[in-house]
Amino acid sequence: MGGVHDSGLALSLILAGGGSLLLVGLAAAAFVQRRSRSYLLVTLALATLLLRTLAGTLTMNGVLDATLHHTAEHALDVALVGFLLVAVYTARSDRARATGAGERR
């Protein structure tokens, strides 16, 4: 690798890292305000995007080999989806409990 390819990859990682950091910061601020499990789970889901950028950066710098990078990114994808599914389920369950929906009489 060299030249333009490395520059483009580095720029992509910088932009992805900055965007991910901003999203995680906003999600963390929302979590601090709301203090709910679903907000925490969304924050964790967005943090996986930041971890993906970290994995890419480590791979680009030769710290992480390509196979481990590939495995880590797929594992982080699974974690992201899992966090979001549980966040949606938790939010719906909390809402149902708050409104009394689903209670047997």
C-alpha atoms as a PDB file:
ATOM      1  CA  MET A   1       0.000   0.000   0.000  1.00  0.00           C
ATOM      2  CA  GLY A   2       1.065   3.538  -0.340  1.00  0.00           C
ATOM      3  CA  GLY A   3       0.347   7.092  -1.291  1.00  0.00           C
ATOM      4  CA  VAL A   4      -3.193   7.955  -2.246  1.00  0.00           C
ATOM      5  CA  HIS A   5      -4.710   4.730  -0.911  1.00  0.00           C
ATOM      6  CA  ASP A   6      -3.237   5.257   2.568  1.00  0.00           C
ATOM      7  CA  SER A   7      -4.216   8.940   2.539  1.00  0.00           C
ATOM      8  CA  GLY A   8      -7.789   8.114   1.577  1.00  0.00           C
ATOM      9  CA  LEU A   9      -8.029   5.405   4.202  1.00  0.00           C
ATOM     10  CA  ALA A  10      -6.552   7.686   6.862  1.00  0.00           C
ATOM     11  CA  LEU A  11      -8.996  10.471   5.952  1.00  0.00           C
ATOM     12  CA  SER A  12     -11.914   8.007   6.044  1.00  0.00           C
ATOM     13  CA  LEU A  13     -10.866   6.768   9.471  1.00  0.00           C
ATOM     14  CA  ILE A  14     -10.482  10.321  10.788  1.00  0.00           C
ATOM     15  CA  LEU A  15     -13.946  11.298   9.526  1.00  0.00           C
ATOM     16  CA  ALA A  16     -15.519   8.069  10.781  1.00  0.00           C
ATOM     17  CA  GLY A  17     -13.835   8.451  14.162  1.00  0.00           C
ATOM     18  CA  GLY A  18     -14.884  12.075  14.518  1.00  0.00           C
ATOM     19  CA  GLY A  19     -18.463  11.341  13.499  1.00  0.00           C
ATOM     20  CA  SER A  20     -18.652   8.314  15.769  1.00  0.00           C
ATOM     21  CA  LEU A  21     -17.197  10.254  18.685  1.00  0.00           C
ATOM     22  CA  LEU A  22     -19.773  13.007  18.178  1.00  0.00           C
ATOM     23  CA  LEU A  23     -22.639  10.483  18.036  1.00  0.00           C
ATOM     24  CA  VAL A  24     -21.434   8.646  21.141  1.00  0.00           C
ATOM     25  CA  GLY A  25     -21.069  11.963  22.973  1.00  0.00           C
ATOM     26  CA  LEU A  26     -24.604  13.030  22.059  1.00  0.00           C
ATOM     27  CA  ALA A  27     -25.997   9.627  22.993  1.00  0.00           C
ATOM     28  CA  ALA A  28     -24.139   9.702  26.317  1.00  0.00           C
ATOM     29  CA  ALA A  29     -25.549  13.174  27.049  1.00  0.00           C
ATOM     30  CA  ALA A  30     -29.057  11.902  26.267  1.00  0.00           C
ATOM     31  CA  PHE A  31     -28.467   8.906  28.536  1.00  0.00           C
ATOM     32  CA  VAL A  32     -27.329  11.153  31.400  1.00  0.00           C
ATOM     33  CA  GLN A  33     -30.541  13.175  31.013  1.00  0.00           C
ATOM     34  CA  ARG A  34     -32.945  10.240  30.652  1.00  0.00           C
ATOM     35  CA  ARG A  35     -31.185   7.561  32.725  1.00  0.00           C
ATOM     36  CA  SER A  36     -32.976   4.712  30.980  1.00  0.00           C
ATOM     37  CA  ARG A  37     -31.730   1.312  29.890  1.00  0.00           C
ATOM     38  CA  SER A  38     -32.746   1.898  26.288  1.00  0.00           C
ATOM     39  CA  TYR A  39     -30.666   5.101  26.093  1.00  0.00           C
ATOM     40  CA  LEU A  40     -27.697   3.253  27.566  1.00  0.00           C
ATOM     41  CA  LEU A  41     -28.090   0.472  25.005  1.00  0.00           C
ATOM     42  CA  VAL A  42     -28.266   2.944  22.112  1.00  0.00           C
ATOM     43  CA  THR A  43     -25.114   4.619  23.461  1.00  0.00           C
ATOM     44  CA  LEU A  44     -23.361   1.243  23.552  1.00  0.00           C
ATOM     45  CA  ALA A  45     -24.551   0.462  20.014  1.00  0.00           C
ATOM     46  CA  LEU A  46     -23.094   3.730  18.744  1.00  0.00           C
ATOM     47  CA  ALA A  47     -19.874   3.042  20.660  1.00  0.00           C
ATOM     48  CA  THR A  48     -19.398  -0.063  18.513  1.00  0.00           C
ATOM     49  CA  LEU A  49     -19.019   2.274  15.518  1.00  0.00           C
ATOM     50  CA  LEU A  50     -16.176   4.007  17.327  1.00  0.00           C
ATOM     51  CA  LEU A  51     -14.598   0.632  18.098  1.00  0.00           C
ATOM     52  CA  ARG A  52     -14.813  -0.316  14.410  1.00  0.00           C
ATOM     53  CA  THR A  53     -12.857   2.819  13.561  1.00  0.00           C
ATOM     54  CA  LEU A  54     -10.306   1.890  16.200  1.00  0.00           C
ATOM     55  CA  ALA A  55      -9.981  -1.587  14.667  1.00  0.00           C
ATOM     56  CA  GLY A  56      -9.430  -0.023  11.239  1.00  0.00           C
ATOM     57  CA  THR A  57      -6.808   2.348  12.615  1.00  0.00           C
ATOM     58  CA  LEU A  58      -4.969  -0.467  14.379  1.00  0.00           C
ATOM     59  CA  THR A  59      -5.018  -2.532  11.191  1.00  0.00           C
ATOM     60  CA  MET A  60      -3.765   0.366   9.072  1.00  0.00           C
ATOM     61  CA  ASN A  61      -0.867   0.842  11.506  1.00  0.00           C
ATOM     62  CA  GLY A  62       0.035  -2.861  11.487  1.00  0.00           C
ATOM     63  CA  VAL A  63      -1.008  -3.552  15.088  1.00  0.00           C
ATOM     64  CA  LEU A  64      -3.950  -5.785  14.134  1.00  0.00           C
ATOM     65  CA  ASP A  65      -3.721  -8.358  11.361  1.00  0.00           C
ATOM     66  CA  ALA A  66      -6.348  -8.460   8.624  1.00  0.00           C
ATOM     67  CA  THR A  67      -8.003 -11.675   9.851  1.00  0.00           C
ATOM     68  CA  LEU A  68      -8.472 -10.392  13.381  1.00  0.00           C
ATOM     69  CA  HIS A  69      -9.660  -7.046  11.977  1.00  0.00           C
ATOM     70  CA  HIS A  70     -12.268  -8.816   9.856  1.00  0.00           C
ATOM     71  CA  THR A  71     -13.458 -10.946  12.786  1.00  0.00           C
ATOM     72  CA  ALA A  72     -13.581  -7.942  15.130  1.00  0.00           C
ATOM     73  CA  GLU A  73     -15.655  -5.906  12.693  1.00  0.00           C
ATOM     74  CA  HIS A  74     -18.220  -8.695  12.277  1.00  0.00           C
ATOM     75  CA  ALA A  75     -18.380  -9.206  16.047  1.00  0.00           C
ATOM     76  CA  LEU A  76     -18.957  -5.468  16.498  1.00  0.00           C
ATOM     77  CA  ASP A  77     -21.727  -5.588  13.865  1.00  0.00           C
ATOM     78  CA  VAL A  78     -23.425  -8.363  15.836  1.00  0.00           C
ATOM     79  CA  ALA A  79     -23.033  -6.363  19.070  1.00  0.00           C
ATOM     80  CA  LEU A  80     -24.501  -3.237  17.433  1.00  0.00           C
ATOM     81  CA  VAL A  81     -27.565  -5.112  16.206  1.00  0.00           C
ATOM     82  CA  GLY A  82     -27.965  -6.852  19.564  1.00  0.00           C
ATOM     83  CA  PHE A  83     -27.779  -3.598  21.522  1.00  0.00           C
ATOM     84  CA  LEU A  84     -30.347  -1.966  19.241  1.00  0.00           C
ATOM     85  CA  LEU A  85     -32.774  -4.895  19.372  1.00  0.00           C
ATOM     86  CA  VAL A  86     -32.619  -5.011  23.165  1.00  0.00           C
ATOM     87  CA  ALA A  87     -32.996  -1.199  23.309  1.00  0.00           C
ATOM     88  CA  VAL A  88     -36.188  -1.356  21.235  1.00  0.00           C
ATOM     89  CA  TYR A  89     -37.554  -4.259  23.275  1.00  0.00           C
ATOM     90  CA  THR A  90     -36.688  -2.492  26.539  1.00  0.00           C
ATOM     91  CA  ALA A  91     -38.275   0.787  25.419  1.00  0.00           C
ATOM     92  CA  ARG A  92     -41.486  -1.005  24.390  1.00  0.00           C
ATOM     93  CA  SER A  93     -41.590  -3.003  27.632  1.00  0.00           C
ATOM     94  CA  ASP A  94     -41.010   0.111  29.743  1.00  0.00           C
ATOM     95  CA  ARG A  95     -43.725   1.986  27.861  1.00  0.00           C
ATOM     96  CA  ALA A  96     -46.173  -0.902  28.276  1.00  0.00           C
ATOM     97  CA  ARG A  97     -45.430  -1.015  32.021  1.00  0.00           C
ATOM     98  CA  ALA A  98     -45.843   2.770  32.349  1.00  0.00           C
ATOM     99  CA  THR A  99     -49.186   2.837  30.548  1.00  0.00           C
ATOM    100  CA  GLY A 100     -50.460  -0.367  32.084  1.00  0.00           C
ATOM    101  CA  ALA A 101     -50.872  -1.982  28.682  1.00  0.00           C
ATOM    102  CA  GLY A 102     -50.852  -5.713  28.737  1.00  0.00           C
ATOM    103  CA  GLU A 103     -51.987  -6.008  32.350  1.00  0.00           C
ATOM    104  CA  ARG A 104     -54.499  -8.726  33.155  1.00  0.00           C
ATOM    105  CA  ARG A 105     -57.601  -7.717  34.980  1.00  0.00           C
END
